[in-house]
Amino acid sequence: MSVQINPSILSADFARLADEAQAVKGADWLHVDVMDNHFVPNLTLGVPVVESLSRATDTPLDCHLMIADPDRWAPQYVEAGAGSVTFHAEAAAAPVRLAREIRAKGARASMALRPATPIEPYADLLPELDMILIMTVEPGFGGQEFLDVTLPKIRRTRELISRHGLQLWLQVDGGVSASTIERCAEAGADVFVAGSAVYGADDPAAAVRSLRERAAAATATASWACTH
């Protein structure tokens, strides 16, 4: 099982986004946090910035929409150049229809769950998705402390993925760092969003490599990975 590291530009210098994207060239995806000050109490960026970023980097864009009414807005992010679009289960009116529309437009479809939102009610939706995102902090702000209480949900989500025989990525986002990434990998995550741990480092590219090595080592001995 291969791990993926997705640096979050929420922790980057917004005045130098093109340069910041180039600073993490070894990353698998560039994670773009879109916030609307409605679904979460923060406002970041939107479609025009995603369009510009898609022209400024060869690293594919992983857009995480922390917005109200994603059924209306999510398809526009595919058109803007996103290779993966994540909407929140708590905000989507018709998640299956939305996932299918995102896929039909050529991007990977992903659904996110807040820390307190259980995975079990959405088990039947998993085949419609390419990735499930388990938030390990409350969405809305970067630099938060990792919530250990989310680890059991990551494990249960991995069990559901295995039980259904799905090729579904399991992403974690929030407080992922050198001190937490191994726990996430052991629990079942294989895609890791890291903001401060990457862009707060003196060498962001080296930070990406270090996080990948830690996650890969933990995955190699994890019980969920050894059964595949």
Protein backbone atom coordinates (compact mmCIF):
# COMPACT_ATOMS: atom_id res chain seq x y z
CA MET A 1 0.00 0.00 0.00
CA SER A 2 1.48 3.37 -1.01
CA VAL A 3 1.04 6.49 1.08
CA GLN A 4 0.38 9.97 -0.28
CA ILE A 5 1.35 13.30 1.23
CA ASN A 6 -0.79 16.33 0.38
CA PRO A 7 0.59 19.65 1.69
CA SER A 8 -2.12 22.14 2.57
CA ILE A 9 -1.70 25.63 1.16
CA LEU A 10 -3.79 26.92 4.06
CA SER A 11 -0.46 27.12 5.88
CA ALA A 12 1.40 28.62 2.91
CA ASP A 13 2.09 32.28 2.16
CA PHE A 14 -0.98 33.38 0.19
CA ALA A 15 1.00 36.21 -1.39
CA ARG A 16 3.36 33.64 -2.97
CA LEU A 17 1.11 30.71 -3.79
CA ALA A 18 2.80 29.82 -7.09
CA ASP A 19 6.21 29.70 -5.39
CA GLU A 20 4.79 27.79 -2.43
CA ALA A 21 3.32 25.20 -4.78
CA GLN A 22 6.74 24.72 -6.37
CA ALA A 23 8.36 24.35 -2.94
CA VAL A 24 6.61 20.98 -2.42
CA LYS A 25 7.22 19.46 -5.84
CA GLY A 26 7.68 15.97 -4.40
CA ALA A 27 4.16 15.97 -3.00
CA ASP A 28 1.46 13.75 -4.46
CA TRP A 29 -1.28 16.41 -4.42
CA LEU A 30 -1.60 20.04 -3.37
CA HIS A 31 -4.42 20.33 -0.85
CA VAL A 32 -6.57 23.44 -1.34
CA ASP A 33 -8.86 24.41 1.53
CA VAL A 34 -11.91 26.31 0.30
CA MET A 35 -13.91 27.99 3.11
CA ASP A 36 -16.96 30.23 2.71
CA ASN A 37 -17.52 31.68 6.21
CA HIS A 38 -20.87 29.86 6.32
CA PHE A 39 -20.20 26.14 6.71
CA VAL A 40 -17.08 27.03 8.71
CA PRO A 41 -16.20 30.32 10.45
CA ASN A 42 -13.40 31.29 8.07
CA LEU A 43 -13.01 32.63 4.54
CA THR A 44 -10.16 31.56 2.29
CA LEU A 45 -10.26 31.31 -1.49
CA GLY A 46 -12.44 30.20 -4.39
CA VAL A 47 -12.64 29.20 -8.03
CA PRO A 48 -10.40 31.97 -9.51
CA VAL A 49 -7.49 31.04 -7.23
CA VAL A 50 -7.89 27.35 -8.07
CA GLU A 51 -7.82 28.23 -11.76
CA SER A 52 -4.60 30.19 -11.27
CA LEU A 53 -2.98 27.46 -9.17
CA SER A 54 -3.79 24.80 -11.75
CA ARG A 55 -1.77 26.80 -14.28
CA ALA A 56 1.10 27.44 -11.84
CA THR A 57 1.90 23.84 -10.84
CA ASP A 58 2.05 20.36 -12.30
CA THR A 59 1.06 18.90 -8.93
CA PRO A 60 -2.62 17.91 -9.09
CA LEU A 61 -5.02 19.88 -6.92
CA ASP A 62 -6.99 18.23 -4.13
CA CYS A 63 -9.79 20.71 -3.33
CA HIS A 64 -11.47 20.35 0.05
CA LEU A 65 -14.74 22.31 0.00
CA MET A 66 -15.73 23.44 3.48
CA ILE A 67 -18.71 25.29 2.06
CA ALA A 68 -22.47 25.39 2.17
CA ASP A 69 -24.36 24.10 -0.88
CA PRO A 70 -21.55 22.03 -2.43
CA ASP A 71 -24.16 20.49 -4.78
CA ARG A 72 -24.18 23.82 -6.58
CA TRP A 73 -20.51 24.80 -6.38
CA ALA A 74 -18.41 21.62 -6.41
CA PRO A 75 -18.62 20.97 -10.19
CA GLN A 76 -17.12 24.41 -10.83
CA TYR A 77 -13.94 23.37 -9.04
CA VAL A 78 -13.51 20.46 -11.45
CA GLU A 79 -13.90 22.89 -14.33
CA ALA A 80 -11.32 25.16 -12.65
CA GLY A 81 -8.73 22.37 -12.77
CA ALA A 82 -9.10 20.33 -9.59
CA GLY A 83 -8.17 16.66 -9.95
CA SER A 84 -10.00 15.71 -6.76
CA VAL A 85 -12.96 17.45 -5.12
CA THR A 86 -14.10 16.78 -1.55
CA PHE A 87 -17.50 17.87 -0.29
CA HIS A 88 -18.79 17.53 3.26
CA ALA A 89 -21.45 14.95 4.09
CA GLU A 90 -22.97 17.44 6.51
CA ALA A 91 -23.46 20.03 3.75
CA ALA A 92 -24.44 17.99 0.68
CA ALA A 93 -28.13 17.60 -0.13
CA ALA A 94 -27.64 14.74 -2.60
CA PRO A 95 -24.16 13.23 -2.04
CA VAL A 96 -24.52 10.33 -4.48
CA ARG A 97 -25.69 12.57 -7.29
CA LEU A 98 -22.92 15.06 -6.52
CA ALA A 99 -20.21 12.38 -6.44
CA ARG A 100 -21.39 11.07 -9.80
CA GLU A 101 -21.36 14.56 -11.29
CA ILE A 102 -17.82 15.20 -10.06
CA ARG A 103 -16.68 11.90 -11.55
CA ALA A 104 -18.51 12.55 -14.82
CA LYS A 105 -16.61 15.82 -15.18
CA GLY A 106 -13.31 13.96 -14.85
CA ALA A 107 -12.21 14.40 -11.23
CA ARG A 108 -11.99 12.07 -8.25
CA ALA A 109 -14.97 12.38 -5.91
CA SER A 110 -14.42 12.51 -2.16
CA MET A 111 -16.62 13.01 0.87
CA ALA A 112 -15.50 14.47 4.21
CA LEU A 113 -16.80 13.86 7.72
CA ARG A 114 -16.38 16.15 10.70
CA PRO A 115 -14.88 14.57 13.84
CA ALA A 116 -18.28 13.96 15.45
CA THR A 117 -19.96 12.61 12.30
CA PRO A 118 -20.05 8.78 12.32
CA ILE A 119 -19.02 6.82 9.24
CA GLU A 120 -21.59 4.03 9.57
CA PRO A 121 -24.62 5.89 8.12
CA TYR A 122 -22.61 6.46 4.94
CA ALA A 123 -21.34 2.91 4.45
CA ASP A 124 -23.59 2.28 1.45
CA LEU A 125 -22.28 5.42 -0.27
CA LEU A 126 -18.64 4.36 -0.24
CA PRO A 127 -18.72 2.63 -3.67
CA GLU A 128 -19.72 5.99 -5.19
CA LEU A 129 -16.52 7.62 -3.93
CA ASP A 130 -12.83 7.61 -4.76
CA MET A 131 -11.78 8.88 -1.33
CA ILE A 132 -13.22 9.41 2.14
CA LEU A 133 -11.79 12.18 4.33
CA ILE A 134 -11.88 11.81 8.10
CA MET A 135 -11.32 15.22 9.69
CA THR A 136 -8.98 14.95 12.66
CA VAL A 137 -9.72 18.50 13.81
CA GLU A 138 -12.83 20.65 13.52
CA PRO A 139 -12.73 22.16 10.01
CA GLY A 140 -12.18 25.86 9.62
CA PHE A 141 -8.67 26.72 10.76
CA GLY A 142 -5.14 25.44 10.28
CA GLY A 143 -2.64 24.74 13.03
CA GLN A 144 -5.03 22.90 15.33
CA GLU A 145 -4.06 20.07 17.65
CA PHE A 146 -4.75 16.53 16.41
CA LEU A 147 -7.82 14.87 17.97
CA ASP A 148 -6.93 11.35 19.11
CA VAL A 149 -10.63 10.58 19.53
CA THR A 150 -10.86 10.28 15.73
CA LEU A 151 -8.52 7.27 15.56
CA PRO A 152 -11.25 4.67 16.27
CA LYS A 153 -13.34 6.14 13.44
CA ILE A 154 -10.37 5.87 11.07
CA ARG A 155 -10.08 2.19 12.02
CA ARG A 156 -13.80 1.58 11.51
CA THR A 157 -13.67 3.31 8.15
CA ARG A 158 -10.75 1.15 7.03
CA GLU A 159 -12.68 -1.93 8.13
CA LEU A 160 -15.69 -0.87 6.03
CA ILE A 161 -13.47 -0.25 3.00
CA SER A 162 -11.91 -3.71 3.39
CA ARG A 163 -15.25 -5.41 3.99
CA HIS A 164 -16.67 -3.96 0.77
CA GLY A 165 -13.48 -4.78 -1.17
CA LEU A 166 -13.12 -1.18 -2.33
CA GLN A 167 -10.10 0.61 -3.79
CA LEU A 168 -10.92 3.70 -1.77
CA TRP A 169 -8.36 6.16 -0.46
CA LEU A 170 -8.69 7.12 3.21
CA GLN A 171 -7.50 10.66 3.87
CA VAL A 172 -6.91 12.40 7.19
CA ASP A 173 -6.70 16.16 7.62
CA GLY A 174 -5.91 18.18 10.74
CA GLY A 175 -2.94 18.21 13.06
CA VAL A 176 -1.01 15.70 10.93
CA SER A 177 2.68 15.97 11.80
CA ALA A 178 5.77 13.89 12.51
CA SER A 179 4.33 13.07 15.94
CA THR A 180 0.86 11.98 14.73
CA ILE A 181 1.20 10.60 11.19
CA GLU A 182 2.29 7.13 12.32
CA ARG A 183 -0.82 6.73 14.48
CA CYS A 184 -2.99 7.73 11.54
CA ALA A 185 -1.26 5.25 9.24
CA GLU A 186 -1.52 2.44 11.77
CA ALA A 187 -5.25 3.13 12.09
CA GLY A 188 -5.80 2.85 8.34
CA ALA A 189 -5.18 6.18 6.63
CA ASP A 190 -3.14 6.25 3.43
CA VAL A 191 -3.51 9.89 2.31
CA PHE A 192 -2.24 12.57 4.67
CA VAL A 193 -2.91 16.29 4.56
CA ALA A 194 -0.20 18.29 6.33
CA GLY A 195 -0.14 22.07 6.56
CA SER A 196 1.97 23.54 9.34
CA ALA A 197 4.19 20.44 9.43
CA VAL A 198 5.23 21.13 5.83
CA TYR A 199 5.02 24.87 5.30
CA GLY A 200 6.27 25.64 8.79
CA ALA A 201 9.49 23.71 8.09
CA ASP A 202 12.70 25.29 6.86
CA ASP A 203 12.65 22.90 3.89
CA PRO A 204 9.06 22.00 2.91
CA ALA A 205 10.15 19.40 0.35
CA ALA A 206 12.28 17.62 2.96
CA ALA A 207 9.35 17.71 5.37
CA VAL A 208 7.21 15.96 2.75
CA ARG A 209 9.84 13.24 2.34
CA SER A 210 10.16 12.75 6.10
CA LEU A 211 6.40 12.47 6.59
CA ARG A 212 6.19 9.97 3.73
CA GLU A 213 8.92 7.81 5.27
CA ARG A 214 7.20 7.79 8.67
CA ALA A 215 3.82 6.93 7.20
CA ALA A 216 5.27 4.22 4.96
CA ALA A 217 7.10 2.58 7.86
CA ALA A 218 3.96 2.55 10.01
CA THR A 219 1.86 1.22 7.13
CA ALA A 220 4.31 -1.62 6.47
CA THR A 221 3.61 -3.10 9.92
CA ALA A 222 -0.06 -2.12 10.27
CA SER A 223 -2.46 -5.03 10.61
CA TRP A 224 -4.90 -3.61 8.06
CA ALA A 225 -2.19 -3.35 5.38
CA CYS A 226 -0.68 -6.77 6.11
CA THR A 227 -3.97 -8.43 5.19
CA HIS A 228 -3.94 -6.99 1.65
